[in-house]
Amino acid sequence: MEKAIQLAGLLGPILVVLSISEGLNLHIWERVEANLVYLNGLLLFVGGLSIVRTYNYWALDWPMMITLTGWLSLMAGLYRMFFPNARQLKKSTFTYVVLLLLLVTGIILTYKGYFD
């Protein structure tokens, strides 16, 4: 459980900052170069793989959020690395729902990592 608390304390604030900054700056993805999308995918892949390799917990409890975040990051990274020219998400309800889910996940993990 100590490892989960440490990872939650790291991953939670990252997700909070990421979701808020992406929501405020969605316009930057309208005309982005494929090499930047690839780099973004590489960072997502490395981060996701790091989480999956160090913490792969599949019980129905809050630490499973860490594992799911790791796997989703790994898959998103692979997608962005293999398809860097794919159309990027634009401002839509779906985009804001995904960002809201990331924000809520980040808030929960931050709470668990620092205050629980």
N, C-alpha and C. Protein backbone atom coordinates (compact mmCIF):
# COMPACT_ATOMS: atom_id res chain seq x y z
N MET A 1 0.82 -1.20 0.00
CA MET A 1 0.00 0.00 0.00
C MET A 1 0.86 1.27 0.00
N GLU A 2 2.06 1.18 0.57
CA GLU A 2 2.95 2.33 0.60
C GLU A 2 3.34 2.77 -0.82
N LYS A 3 3.58 1.79 -1.70
CA LYS A 3 3.92 2.12 -3.08
C LYS A 3 2.75 2.81 -3.77
N ALA A 4 1.53 2.38 -3.49
CA ALA A 4 0.35 3.01 -4.07
C ALA A 4 0.23 4.45 -3.61
N ILE A 5 0.50 4.71 -2.35
CA ILE A 5 0.41 6.08 -1.84
C ILE A 5 1.48 6.96 -2.49
N GLN A 6 2.68 6.42 -2.66
CA GLN A 6 3.74 7.20 -3.32
C GLN A 6 3.39 7.49 -4.78
N LEU A 7 2.90 6.48 -5.49
CA LEU A 7 2.53 6.69 -6.89
C LEU A 7 1.33 7.63 -7.02
N ALA A 8 0.37 7.53 -6.09
CA ALA A 8 -0.78 8.43 -6.11
C ALA A 8 -0.33 9.87 -5.87
N GLY A 9 0.63 10.06 -4.97
CA GLY A 9 1.16 11.39 -4.70
C GLY A 9 1.91 11.98 -5.89
N LEU A 10 2.42 11.14 -6.74
CA LEU A 10 3.12 11.59 -7.96
C LEU A 10 2.14 11.76 -9.12
N LEU A 11 1.33 10.75 -9.35
CA LEU A 11 0.44 10.73 -10.50
C LEU A 11 -0.74 11.69 -10.37
N GLY A 12 -1.26 11.84 -9.15
CA GLY A 12 -2.42 12.70 -8.93
C GLY A 12 -2.21 14.14 -9.38
N PRO A 13 -1.19 14.83 -8.86
CA PRO A 13 -0.96 16.21 -9.29
C PRO A 13 -0.64 16.32 -10.79
N ILE A 14 0.05 15.32 -11.34
CA ILE A 14 0.34 15.34 -12.78
C ILE A 14 -0.97 15.35 -13.57
N LEU A 15 -1.92 14.49 -13.19
CA LEU A 15 -3.20 14.42 -13.90
C LEU A 15 -4.02 15.69 -13.72
N VAL A 16 -3.97 16.29 -12.54
CA VAL A 16 -4.70 17.53 -12.30
C VAL A 16 -4.16 18.64 -13.20
N VAL A 17 -2.85 18.82 -13.19
CA VAL A 17 -2.23 19.88 -14.01
C VAL A 17 -2.43 19.60 -15.50
N LEU A 18 -2.25 18.34 -15.90
CA LEU A 18 -2.41 17.97 -17.30
C LEU A 18 -3.83 18.25 -17.79
N SER A 19 -4.83 17.83 -17.03
CA SER A 19 -6.21 18.01 -17.50
C SER A 19 -6.60 19.48 -17.56
N ILE A 20 -6.20 20.27 -16.58
CA ILE A 20 -6.54 21.69 -16.59
C ILE A 20 -5.80 22.41 -17.72
N SER A 21 -4.50 22.15 -17.87
CA SER A 21 -3.74 22.85 -18.91
C SER A 21 -4.18 22.43 -20.31
N GLU A 22 -4.50 21.16 -20.51
CA GLU A 22 -5.00 20.73 -21.83
C GLU A 22 -6.35 21.36 -22.12
N GLY A 23 -7.22 21.43 -21.12
CA GLY A 23 -8.53 22.04 -21.32
C GLY A 23 -8.43 23.51 -21.70
N LEU A 24 -7.47 24.20 -21.12
CA LEU A 24 -7.30 25.62 -21.42
C LEU A 24 -6.56 25.86 -22.74
N ASN A 25 -5.84 24.86 -23.22
CA ASN A 25 -4.99 25.05 -24.40
C ASN A 25 -5.29 24.05 -25.51
N LEU A 26 -6.53 23.66 -25.66
CA LEU A 26 -6.87 22.68 -26.70
C LEU A 26 -6.51 23.17 -28.11
N HIS A 27 -6.50 24.47 -28.29
CA HIS A 27 -6.22 25.02 -29.61
C HIS A 27 -4.82 24.67 -30.12
N ILE A 28 -3.89 24.34 -29.22
CA ILE A 28 -2.53 24.04 -29.69
C ILE A 28 -2.47 22.73 -30.48
N TRP A 29 -3.48 21.87 -30.34
CA TRP A 29 -3.48 20.60 -31.06
C TRP A 29 -4.11 20.71 -32.45
N GLU A 30 -4.59 21.90 -32.82
CA GLU A 30 -5.22 22.07 -34.13
C GLU A 30 -4.21 21.98 -35.27
N ARG A 31 -3.05 22.57 -35.09
CA ARG A 31 -2.02 22.57 -36.14
C ARG A 31 -0.70 22.10 -35.55
N VAL A 32 -0.65 20.90 -35.10
CA VAL A 32 0.55 20.39 -34.46
C VAL A 32 1.32 19.50 -35.44
N GLU A 33 2.61 19.54 -35.37
CA GLU A 33 3.46 18.74 -36.24
C GLU A 33 3.48 17.29 -35.76
N ALA A 34 3.62 16.37 -36.70
CA ALA A 34 3.61 14.95 -36.38
C ALA A 34 4.76 14.57 -35.44
N ASN A 35 5.90 15.24 -35.56
CA ASN A 35 7.02 14.89 -34.68
C ASN A 35 6.72 15.24 -33.22
N LEU A 36 5.94 16.29 -32.98
CA LEU A 36 5.55 16.61 -31.60
C LEU A 36 4.52 15.61 -31.07
N VAL A 37 3.63 15.16 -31.93
CA VAL A 37 2.67 14.14 -31.52
C VAL A 37 3.42 12.86 -31.17
N TYR A 38 4.42 12.51 -31.99
CA TYR A 38 5.24 11.33 -31.72
C TYR A 38 5.96 11.46 -30.38
N LEU A 39 6.55 12.62 -30.12
CA LEU A 39 7.26 12.85 -28.86
C LEU A 39 6.30 12.74 -27.68
N ASN A 40 5.12 13.31 -27.82
CA ASN A 40 4.10 13.20 -26.79
C ASN A 40 3.75 11.73 -26.54
N GLY A 41 3.62 10.97 -27.62
CA GLY A 41 3.33 9.54 -27.49
C GLY A 41 4.44 8.79 -26.81
N LEU A 42 5.68 9.15 -27.13
CA LEU A 42 6.82 8.49 -26.50
C LEU A 42 6.81 8.74 -24.99
N LEU A 43 6.54 9.97 -24.58
CA LEU A 43 6.48 10.30 -23.15
C LEU A 43 5.33 9.56 -22.46
N LEU A 44 4.17 9.50 -23.12
CA LEU A 44 3.05 8.76 -22.56
C LEU A 44 3.38 7.27 -22.43
N PHE A 45 4.03 6.73 -23.46
CA PHE A 45 4.40 5.31 -23.44
C PHE A 45 5.38 5.00 -22.31
N VAL A 46 6.42 5.82 -22.18
CA VAL A 46 7.42 5.59 -21.13
C VAL A 46 6.79 5.72 -19.74
N GLY A 47 5.98 6.75 -19.55
CA GLY A 47 5.31 6.92 -18.26
C GLY A 47 4.36 5.77 -17.95
N GLY A 48 3.56 5.38 -18.94
CA GLY A 48 2.63 4.28 -18.74
C GLY A 48 3.33 2.96 -18.47
N LEU A 49 4.38 2.68 -19.23
CA LEU A 49 5.14 1.45 -19.02
C LEU A 49 5.80 1.44 -17.65
N SER A 50 6.30 2.58 -17.21
CA SER A 50 6.90 2.66 -15.88
C SER A 50 5.89 2.33 -14.79
N ILE A 51 4.69 2.84 -14.93
CA ILE A 51 3.65 2.55 -13.94
C ILE A 51 3.27 1.08 -13.97
N VAL A 52 3.04 0.55 -15.16
CA VAL A 52 2.62 -0.84 -15.30
C VAL A 52 3.68 -1.80 -14.76
N ARG A 53 4.96 -1.49 -15.02
CA ARG A 53 6.05 -2.38 -14.55
C ARG A 53 6.26 -2.31 -13.05
N THR A 54 6.01 -1.15 -12.44
CA THR A 54 6.24 -1.03 -11.00
C THR A 54 5.01 -1.30 -10.17
N TYR A 55 3.83 -1.15 -10.77
CA TYR A 55 2.61 -1.30 -9.98
C TYR A 55 1.49 -1.80 -10.89
N ASN A 56 1.18 -3.07 -10.82
CA ASN A 56 0.15 -3.69 -11.63
C ASN A 56 -0.84 -4.37 -10.69
N TYR A 57 -1.76 -3.60 -10.15
CA TYR A 57 -2.69 -4.02 -9.10
C TYR A 57 -4.09 -4.11 -9.67
N TRP A 58 -4.74 -5.29 -9.56
CA TRP A 58 -6.03 -5.49 -10.20
C TRP A 58 -7.14 -5.88 -9.23
N ALA A 59 -7.12 -5.38 -8.01
CA ALA A 59 -8.22 -5.62 -7.07
C ALA A 59 -9.14 -4.39 -7.10
N LEU A 60 -10.41 -4.60 -6.84
CA LEU A 60 -11.37 -3.49 -6.88
C LEU A 60 -11.20 -2.59 -5.65
N ASP A 61 -10.24 -1.70 -5.76
CA ASP A 61 -9.93 -0.75 -4.71
C ASP A 61 -9.31 0.47 -5.39
N TRP A 62 -9.14 1.56 -4.67
CA TRP A 62 -8.64 2.78 -5.29
C TRP A 62 -7.27 2.62 -5.96
N PRO A 63 -6.34 1.77 -5.46
CA PRO A 63 -5.05 1.65 -6.16
C PRO A 63 -5.16 1.14 -7.59
N MET A 64 -6.28 0.50 -7.93
CA MET A 64 -6.44 0.04 -9.31
C MET A 64 -6.50 1.22 -10.28
N MET A 65 -6.86 2.41 -9.79
CA MET A 65 -6.86 3.61 -10.64
C MET A 65 -5.47 3.89 -11.18
N ILE A 66 -4.45 3.59 -10.38
CA ILE A 66 -3.07 3.79 -10.80
C ILE A 66 -2.74 2.85 -11.95
N THR A 67 -3.11 1.59 -11.79
CA THR A 67 -2.86 0.60 -12.85
C THR A 67 -3.59 0.97 -14.13
N LEU A 68 -4.87 1.34 -14.02
CA LEU A 68 -5.64 1.71 -15.21
C LEU A 68 -5.04 2.94 -15.90
N THR A 69 -4.61 3.90 -15.12
CA THR A 69 -3.98 5.09 -15.69
C THR A 69 -2.70 4.71 -16.43
N GLY A 70 -1.94 3.80 -15.85
CA GLY A 70 -0.72 3.34 -16.51
C GLY A 70 -1.00 2.66 -17.83
N TRP A 71 -1.97 1.75 -17.84
CA TRP A 71 -2.31 1.04 -19.07
C TRP A 71 -2.88 1.98 -20.13
N LEU A 72 -3.74 2.91 -19.71
CA LEU A 72 -4.30 3.87 -20.68
C LEU A 72 -3.21 4.79 -21.25
N SER A 73 -2.27 5.20 -20.41
CA SER A 73 -1.16 6.02 -20.90
C SER A 73 -0.30 5.23 -21.88
N LEU A 74 -0.03 3.99 -21.55
CA LEU A 74 0.77 3.14 -22.43
C LEU A 74 0.09 2.97 -23.79
N MET A 75 -1.21 2.70 -23.78
CA MET A 75 -1.94 2.51 -25.05
C MET A 75 -2.05 3.81 -25.84
N ALA A 76 -2.30 4.92 -25.14
CA ALA A 76 -2.37 6.21 -25.83
C ALA A 76 -1.02 6.56 -26.44
N GLY A 77 0.04 6.26 -25.72
CA GLY A 77 1.38 6.52 -26.24
C GLY A 77 1.67 5.71 -27.49
N LEU A 78 1.32 4.44 -27.45
CA LEU A 78 1.53 3.59 -28.63
C LEU A 78 0.74 4.13 -29.82
N TYR A 79 -0.51 4.51 -29.59
CA TYR A 79 -1.34 5.04 -30.67
C TYR A 79 -0.70 6.29 -31.28
N ARG A 80 -0.24 7.21 -30.41
CA ARG A 80 0.33 8.45 -30.92
C ARG A 80 1.68 8.23 -31.60
N MET A 81 2.41 7.20 -31.18
CA MET A 81 3.69 6.91 -31.83
C MET A 81 3.48 6.26 -33.20
N PHE A 82 2.52 5.37 -33.31
CA PHE A 82 2.30 4.68 -34.59
C PHE A 82 1.42 5.46 -35.56
N PHE A 83 0.61 6.39 -35.04
CA PHE A 83 -0.27 7.19 -35.90
C PHE A 83 -0.14 8.68 -35.58
N PRO A 84 1.06 9.25 -35.73
CA PRO A 84 1.24 10.65 -35.37
C PRO A 84 0.51 11.63 -36.28
N ASN A 85 0.11 11.17 -37.46
CA ASN A 85 -0.62 12.05 -38.38
C ASN A 85 -2.13 11.95 -38.24
N ALA A 86 -2.59 11.13 -37.30
CA ALA A 86 -4.05 10.99 -37.10
C ALA A 86 -4.63 12.32 -36.63
N ARG A 87 -5.88 12.52 -36.94
CA ARG A 87 -6.56 13.75 -36.54
C ARG A 87 -6.59 13.85 -35.01
N GLN A 88 -6.25 15.01 -34.49
CA GLN A 88 -6.24 15.22 -33.05
C GLN A 88 -7.64 15.58 -32.56
N LEU A 89 -7.87 15.34 -31.28
CA LEU A 89 -9.17 15.69 -30.71
C LEU A 89 -9.39 17.19 -30.78
N LYS A 90 -10.59 17.56 -31.15
CA LYS A 90 -10.95 18.97 -31.20
C LYS A 90 -11.87 19.27 -30.02
N LYS A 91 -12.19 20.53 -29.86
CA LYS A 91 -13.11 20.91 -28.79
C LYS A 91 -14.45 20.24 -29.04
N SER A 92 -14.81 19.36 -28.13
CA SER A 92 -16.10 18.68 -28.22
C SER A 92 -16.49 18.23 -26.83
N THR A 93 -17.71 17.80 -26.70
CA THR A 93 -18.19 17.30 -25.42
C THR A 93 -17.36 16.10 -24.97
N PHE A 94 -17.05 15.20 -25.91
CA PHE A 94 -16.26 14.02 -25.58
C PHE A 94 -14.89 14.41 -25.02
N THR A 95 -14.24 15.38 -25.64
CA THR A 95 -12.93 15.82 -25.19
C THR A 95 -13.00 16.34 -23.76
N TYR A 96 -14.01 17.15 -23.49
CA TYR A 96 -14.14 17.72 -22.15
C TYR A 96 -14.54 16.66 -21.12
N VAL A 97 -15.28 15.65 -21.52
CA VAL A 97 -15.61 14.55 -20.60
C VAL A 97 -14.35 13.78 -20.25
N VAL A 98 -13.50 13.50 -21.24
CA VAL A 98 -12.23 12.80 -20.98
C VAL A 98 -11.36 13.63 -20.05
N LEU A 99 -11.26 14.93 -20.30
CA LEU A 99 -10.46 15.79 -19.44
C LEU A 99 -11.03 15.87 -18.03
N LEU A 100 -12.36 15.87 -17.92
CA LEU A 100 -12.99 15.87 -16.60
C LEU A 100 -12.70 14.57 -15.85
N LEU A 101 -12.73 13.44 -16.55
CA LEU A 101 -12.39 12.16 -15.92
C LEU A 101 -10.94 12.15 -15.45
N LEU A 102 -10.04 12.70 -16.25
CA LEU A 102 -8.64 12.80 -15.83
C LEU A 102 -8.50 13.70 -14.60
N LEU A 103 -9.23 14.80 -14.59
CA LEU A 103 -9.18 15.72 -13.45
C LEU A 103 -9.69 15.04 -12.18
N VAL A 104 -10.82 14.37 -12.27
CA VAL A 104 -11.39 13.68 -11.10
C VAL A 104 -10.45 12.59 -10.61
N THR A 105 -9.89 11.82 -11.54
CA THR A 105 -8.92 10.79 -11.17
C THR A 105 -7.72 11.43 -10.47
N GLY A 106 -7.23 12.53 -11.02
CA GLY A 106 -6.10 13.22 -10.40
C GLY A 106 -6.41 13.74 -9.02
N ILE A 107 -7.61 14.27 -8.83
CA ILE A 107 -8.00 14.78 -7.50
C ILE A 107 -8.08 13.63 -6.50
N ILE A 108 -8.68 12.53 -6.90
CA ILE A 108 -8.78 11.37 -6.00
C ILE A 108 -7.39 10.85 -5.64
N LEU A 109 -6.52 10.69 -6.64
CA LEU A 109 -5.18 10.19 -6.36
C LEU A 109 -4.37 11.17 -5.52
N THR A 110 -4.53 12.45 -5.77
CA THR A 110 -3.84 13.45 -4.94
C THR A 110 -4.30 13.35 -3.50
N TYR A 111 -5.59 13.23 -3.30
CA TYR A 111 -6.13 13.07 -1.94
C TYR A 111 -5.56 11.84 -1.26
N LYS A 112 -5.57 10.72 -1.98
CA LYS A 112 -5.06 9.46 -1.41
C LYS A 112 -3.56 9.56 -1.14
N GLY A 113 -2.83 10.24 -1.98
CA GLY A 113 -1.39 10.33 -1.83
C GLY A 113 -0.93 11.28 -0.74
N TYR A 114 -1.74 12.31 -0.44
CA TYR A 114 -1.30 13.33 0.50
C TYR A 114 -2.14 13.46 1.76
N PHE A 115 -3.41 13.12 1.69
CA PHE A 115 -4.30 13.44 2.81
C PHE A 115 -4.98 12.24 3.46
N ASP A 116 -4.95 11.09 2.85
CA ASP A 116 -5.69 9.95 3.39
C ASP A 116 -4.86 9.18 4.40
